[in-house]
Amino acid sequence: MAKETKAKVAPAKKEAKEHTADLAFGRENYRLLLVGLALIVAGFVLMIGGGSDDPKVFNEAVFNFQRLTLAPLLILAGYVIEIFAIMKKPKD
């Protein structure tokens, strides 16, 4: 007769911490996403205005520094931060 051998099975380990839902991004990623979104919104808000109520009168405010340079730079910076926040690996 053949001998029966019993394989030793390691006892199942219980996890000490509760299993939480895994999110796509970490806390820092979400913060960066919000910062980028705030910069984009601020850039578009800075572009608002500069028009004229009377179509026969030209308003030079359309071509000021705020609308021509600052606002697009803020929007561009916001998009760069958004891309960085998406590509950044969350800390484990």
N, C-alpha and C. Protein backbone atom coordinates (compact mmCIF):
# COMPACT_ATOMS: atom_id res chain seq x y z
N MET A 1 0.81 -1.17 0.00
CA MET A 1 0.00 0.00 0.00
C MET A 1 0.86 1.25 0.00
N ALA A 2 0.32 2.24 -0.66
CA ALA A 2 1.04 3.50 -0.75
C ALA A 2 0.75 4.33 0.49
N LYS A 3 1.76 5.08 0.90
CA LYS A 3 1.58 5.95 2.06
C LYS A 3 0.82 7.20 1.67
N GLU A 4 -0.05 7.62 2.53
CA GLU A 4 -0.75 8.88 2.30
C GLU A 4 0.10 10.00 2.87
N THR A 5 0.34 11.00 2.06
CA THR A 5 1.09 12.15 2.55
C THR A 5 0.16 13.33 2.61
N LYS A 6 0.27 14.03 3.67
CA LYS A 6 -0.56 15.23 3.83
C LYS A 6 0.32 16.45 3.56
N ALA A 7 -0.13 17.23 2.61
CA ALA A 7 0.60 18.45 2.29
C ALA A 7 0.27 19.50 3.33
N LYS A 8 1.31 20.17 3.79
CA LYS A 8 1.10 21.23 4.77
C LYS A 8 0.60 22.48 4.06
N VAL A 9 -0.48 22.97 4.54
CA VAL A 9 -1.06 24.17 3.96
C VAL A 9 -0.92 25.29 4.97
N ALA A 10 -0.36 26.40 4.51
CA ALA A 10 -0.19 27.55 5.40
C ALA A 10 -1.56 28.14 5.71
N PRO A 11 -1.76 28.52 6.96
CA PRO A 11 -3.06 29.11 7.31
C PRO A 11 -3.25 30.45 6.59
N ALA A 12 -4.47 30.75 6.22
CA ALA A 12 -4.77 32.00 5.52
C ALA A 12 -4.51 33.18 6.45
N LYS A 13 -3.80 34.16 5.93
CA LYS A 13 -3.50 35.35 6.73
C LYS A 13 -4.67 36.31 6.68
N LYS A 14 -5.02 36.82 7.82
CA LYS A 14 -6.09 37.82 7.87
C LYS A 14 -5.47 39.20 7.68
N GLU A 15 -6.13 39.99 6.87
CA GLU A 15 -5.63 41.34 6.65
C GLU A 15 -5.94 42.19 7.87
N ALA A 16 -4.95 42.93 8.32
CA ALA A 16 -5.12 43.75 9.51
C ALA A 16 -5.96 44.99 9.23
N LYS A 17 -5.85 45.52 8.01
CA LYS A 17 -6.61 46.72 7.71
C LYS A 17 -7.81 46.38 6.83
N GLU A 18 -8.79 47.22 6.88
CA GLU A 18 -9.97 47.01 6.07
C GLU A 18 -9.64 47.32 4.62
N HIS A 19 -10.28 46.60 3.75
CA HIS A 19 -10.07 46.84 2.32
C HIS A 19 -10.96 47.99 1.89
N THR A 20 -10.35 49.05 1.41
CA THR A 20 -11.11 50.20 0.94
C THR A 20 -11.14 50.17 -0.58
N ALA A 21 -12.06 50.90 -1.14
CA ALA A 21 -12.16 50.97 -2.59
C ALA A 21 -10.92 51.65 -3.16
N ASP A 22 -10.34 51.04 -4.16
CA ASP A 22 -9.16 51.63 -4.79
C ASP A 22 -9.60 52.71 -5.77
N LEU A 23 -9.07 53.90 -5.59
CA LEU A 23 -9.38 55.01 -6.47
C LEU A 23 -8.31 55.11 -7.55
N ALA A 24 -8.67 55.73 -8.64
CA ALA A 24 -7.74 55.85 -9.75
C ALA A 24 -6.56 56.75 -9.40
N PHE A 25 -6.81 57.78 -8.60
CA PHE A 25 -5.77 58.73 -8.24
C PHE A 25 -5.65 58.80 -6.72
N GLY A 26 -4.50 59.30 -6.28
CA GLY A 26 -4.30 59.52 -4.86
C GLY A 26 -4.78 60.92 -4.47
N ARG A 27 -4.66 61.21 -3.19
CA ARG A 27 -5.13 62.49 -2.67
C ARG A 27 -4.39 63.66 -3.31
N GLU A 28 -3.09 63.51 -3.48
CA GLU A 28 -2.29 64.59 -4.08
C GLU A 28 -2.69 64.83 -5.54
N ASN A 29 -3.02 63.75 -6.25
CA ASN A 29 -3.46 63.90 -7.64
C ASN A 29 -4.74 64.73 -7.72
N TYR A 30 -5.68 64.44 -6.82
CA TYR A 30 -6.94 65.19 -6.83
C TYR A 30 -6.71 66.65 -6.47
N ARG A 31 -5.81 66.91 -5.56
CA ARG A 31 -5.49 68.31 -5.22
C ARG A 31 -4.91 69.04 -6.43
N LEU A 32 -3.99 68.38 -7.13
CA LEU A 32 -3.39 69.00 -8.31
C LEU A 32 -4.44 69.22 -9.40
N LEU A 33 -5.37 68.28 -9.55
CA LEU A 33 -6.44 68.45 -10.52
C LEU A 33 -7.28 69.68 -10.19
N LEU A 34 -7.59 69.87 -8.91
CA LEU A 34 -8.37 71.04 -8.50
C LEU A 34 -7.61 72.34 -8.71
N VAL A 35 -6.30 72.33 -8.44
CA VAL A 35 -5.48 73.53 -8.66
C VAL A 35 -5.44 73.87 -10.15
N GLY A 36 -5.26 72.87 -10.99
CA GLY A 36 -5.25 73.10 -12.43
C GLY A 36 -6.59 73.62 -12.92
N LEU A 37 -7.67 73.06 -12.42
CA LEU A 37 -9.00 73.52 -12.81
C LEU A 37 -9.23 74.97 -12.37
N ALA A 38 -8.76 75.32 -11.16
CA ALA A 38 -8.91 76.69 -10.68
C ALA A 38 -8.13 77.67 -11.56
N LEU A 39 -6.93 77.28 -12.00
CA LEU A 39 -6.16 78.16 -12.88
C LEU A 39 -6.84 78.34 -14.24
N ILE A 40 -7.42 77.28 -14.76
CA ILE A 40 -8.12 77.38 -16.04
C ILE A 40 -9.32 78.31 -15.92
N VAL A 41 -10.10 78.12 -14.86
CA VAL A 41 -11.28 78.97 -14.65
C VAL A 41 -10.86 80.43 -14.45
N ALA A 42 -9.78 80.66 -13.68
CA ALA A 42 -9.29 82.02 -13.45
C ALA A 42 -8.85 82.66 -14.77
N GLY A 43 -8.22 81.89 -15.63
CA GLY A 43 -7.80 82.42 -16.93
C GLY A 43 -8.98 82.83 -17.79
N PHE A 44 -10.02 82.01 -17.81
CA PHE A 44 -11.20 82.38 -18.60
C PHE A 44 -11.94 83.55 -17.99
N VAL A 45 -11.96 83.66 -16.67
CA VAL A 45 -12.60 84.81 -16.02
C VAL A 45 -11.85 86.09 -16.36
N LEU A 46 -10.52 86.02 -16.41
CA LEU A 46 -9.74 87.21 -16.76
C LEU A 46 -9.94 87.63 -18.21
N MET A 47 -10.37 86.72 -19.06
CA MET A 47 -10.63 87.08 -20.46
C MET A 47 -11.98 87.75 -20.66
N ILE A 48 -12.85 87.66 -19.68
CA ILE A 48 -14.20 88.22 -19.81
C ILE A 48 -14.13 89.74 -19.87
N GLY A 49 -15.01 90.30 -20.66
CA GLY A 49 -15.15 91.75 -20.69
C GLY A 49 -14.33 92.39 -21.79
N GLY A 50 -14.25 93.71 -21.70
CA GLY A 50 -13.49 94.46 -22.68
C GLY A 50 -14.29 94.86 -23.89
N GLY A 51 -15.54 94.47 -23.92
CA GLY A 51 -16.37 94.83 -25.06
C GLY A 51 -16.94 96.22 -24.90
N SER A 52 -17.71 96.62 -25.87
CA SER A 52 -18.32 97.94 -25.86
C SER A 52 -19.82 97.80 -26.06
N ASP A 53 -20.59 98.63 -25.38
CA ASP A 53 -22.04 98.61 -25.56
C ASP A 53 -22.44 99.22 -26.90
N ASP A 54 -21.69 100.19 -27.34
CA ASP A 54 -21.97 100.86 -28.60
C ASP A 54 -21.07 100.28 -29.69
N PRO A 55 -21.62 99.68 -30.73
CA PRO A 55 -20.77 99.07 -31.76
C PRO A 55 -19.95 100.08 -32.57
N LYS A 56 -20.28 101.35 -32.47
CA LYS A 56 -19.54 102.37 -33.22
C LYS A 56 -18.31 102.86 -32.45
N VAL A 57 -18.20 102.47 -31.18
CA VAL A 57 -17.08 102.91 -30.34
C VAL A 57 -16.17 101.71 -30.07
N PHE A 58 -14.88 101.88 -30.37
CA PHE A 58 -13.91 100.81 -30.15
C PHE A 58 -13.32 100.95 -28.75
N ASN A 59 -13.27 99.85 -28.02
CA ASN A 59 -12.73 99.84 -26.67
C ASN A 59 -11.34 99.21 -26.69
N GLU A 60 -10.35 99.96 -26.25
CA GLU A 60 -8.95 99.48 -26.24
C GLU A 60 -8.70 98.43 -25.17
N ALA A 61 -9.63 98.20 -24.26
CA ALA A 61 -9.45 97.22 -23.19
C ALA A 61 -9.35 95.79 -23.72
N VAL A 62 -9.73 95.59 -24.96
CA VAL A 62 -9.63 94.26 -25.56
C VAL A 62 -8.16 93.84 -25.66
N PHE A 63 -7.28 94.78 -25.87
CA PHE A 63 -5.88 94.48 -26.11
C PHE A 63 -4.98 94.78 -24.91
N ASN A 64 -5.50 94.72 -23.68
CA ASN A 64 -4.64 94.98 -22.53
C ASN A 64 -3.88 93.72 -22.13
N PHE A 65 -2.93 93.88 -21.24
CA PHE A 65 -2.05 92.79 -20.80
C PHE A 65 -2.84 91.63 -20.20
N GLN A 66 -3.86 91.95 -19.43
CA GLN A 66 -4.64 90.93 -18.74
C GLN A 66 -5.29 89.94 -19.71
N ARG A 67 -5.90 90.45 -20.76
CA ARG A 67 -6.63 89.59 -21.69
C ARG A 67 -5.74 88.99 -22.77
N LEU A 68 -4.68 89.66 -23.11
CA LEU A 68 -3.85 89.21 -24.22
C LEU A 68 -2.71 88.29 -23.78
N THR A 69 -2.21 88.46 -22.56
CA THR A 69 -1.05 87.70 -22.13
C THR A 69 -1.30 86.88 -20.87
N LEU A 70 -1.78 87.52 -19.83
CA LEU A 70 -1.92 86.86 -18.53
C LEU A 70 -2.94 85.72 -18.57
N ALA A 71 -4.12 85.96 -19.10
CA ALA A 71 -5.16 84.94 -19.11
C ALA A 71 -4.76 83.69 -19.91
N PRO A 72 -4.21 83.83 -21.11
CA PRO A 72 -3.78 82.60 -21.82
C PRO A 72 -2.66 81.85 -21.11
N LEU A 73 -1.76 82.59 -20.45
CA LEU A 73 -0.70 81.91 -19.70
C LEU A 73 -1.27 81.13 -18.52
N LEU A 74 -2.26 81.69 -17.85
CA LEU A 74 -2.90 80.97 -16.74
C LEU A 74 -3.61 79.72 -17.25
N ILE A 75 -4.28 79.82 -18.35
CA ILE A 75 -4.97 78.66 -18.91
C ILE A 75 -3.97 77.58 -19.32
N LEU A 76 -2.89 77.98 -19.96
CA LEU A 76 -1.85 77.03 -20.36
C LEU A 76 -1.23 76.36 -19.13
N ALA A 77 -0.93 77.13 -18.10
CA ALA A 77 -0.38 76.56 -16.87
C ALA A 77 -1.38 75.58 -16.23
N GLY A 78 -2.65 75.92 -16.27
CA GLY A 78 -3.67 75.02 -15.73
C GLY A 78 -3.70 73.69 -16.46
N TYR A 79 -3.62 73.74 -17.79
CA TYR A 79 -3.61 72.49 -18.56
C TYR A 79 -2.35 71.67 -18.31
N VAL A 80 -1.21 72.33 -18.14
CA VAL A 80 0.04 71.61 -17.83
C VAL A 80 -0.09 70.91 -16.48
N ILE A 81 -0.65 71.59 -15.50
CA ILE A 81 -0.84 70.99 -14.18
C ILE A 81 -1.83 69.83 -14.26
N GLU A 82 -2.88 69.96 -15.05
CA GLU A 82 -3.85 68.88 -15.23
C GLU A 82 -3.17 67.63 -15.81
N ILE A 83 -2.35 67.82 -16.83
CA ILE A 83 -1.65 66.68 -17.44
C ILE A 83 -0.70 66.05 -16.44
N PHE A 84 0.02 66.87 -15.69
CA PHE A 84 0.94 66.36 -14.67
C PHE A 84 0.18 65.57 -13.60
N ALA A 85 -0.97 66.09 -13.18
CA ALA A 85 -1.76 65.42 -12.14
C ALA A 85 -2.27 64.07 -12.62
N ILE A 86 -2.61 63.98 -13.89
CA ILE A 86 -3.09 62.70 -14.43
C ILE A 86 -1.95 61.71 -14.57
N MET A 87 -0.77 62.17 -14.99
CA MET A 87 0.35 61.25 -15.24
C MET A 87 1.11 60.85 -13.98
N LYS A 88 1.00 61.62 -12.92
CA LYS A 88 1.74 61.35 -11.68
C LYS A 88 1.22 60.09 -11.02
N LYS A 89 2.12 59.21 -10.65
CA LYS A 89 1.72 57.97 -9.97
C LYS A 89 1.43 58.28 -8.51
N PRO A 90 0.31 57.78 -7.98
CA PRO A 90 0.00 58.02 -6.57
C PRO A 90 0.95 57.24 -5.67
N LYS A 91 1.20 57.78 -4.50
CA LYS A 91 2.06 57.10 -3.53
C LYS A 91 1.28 55.95 -2.89
N ASP A 92 1.96 54.84 -2.68
CA ASP A 92 1.30 53.68 -2.07
C ASP A 92 1.26 53.78 -0.57
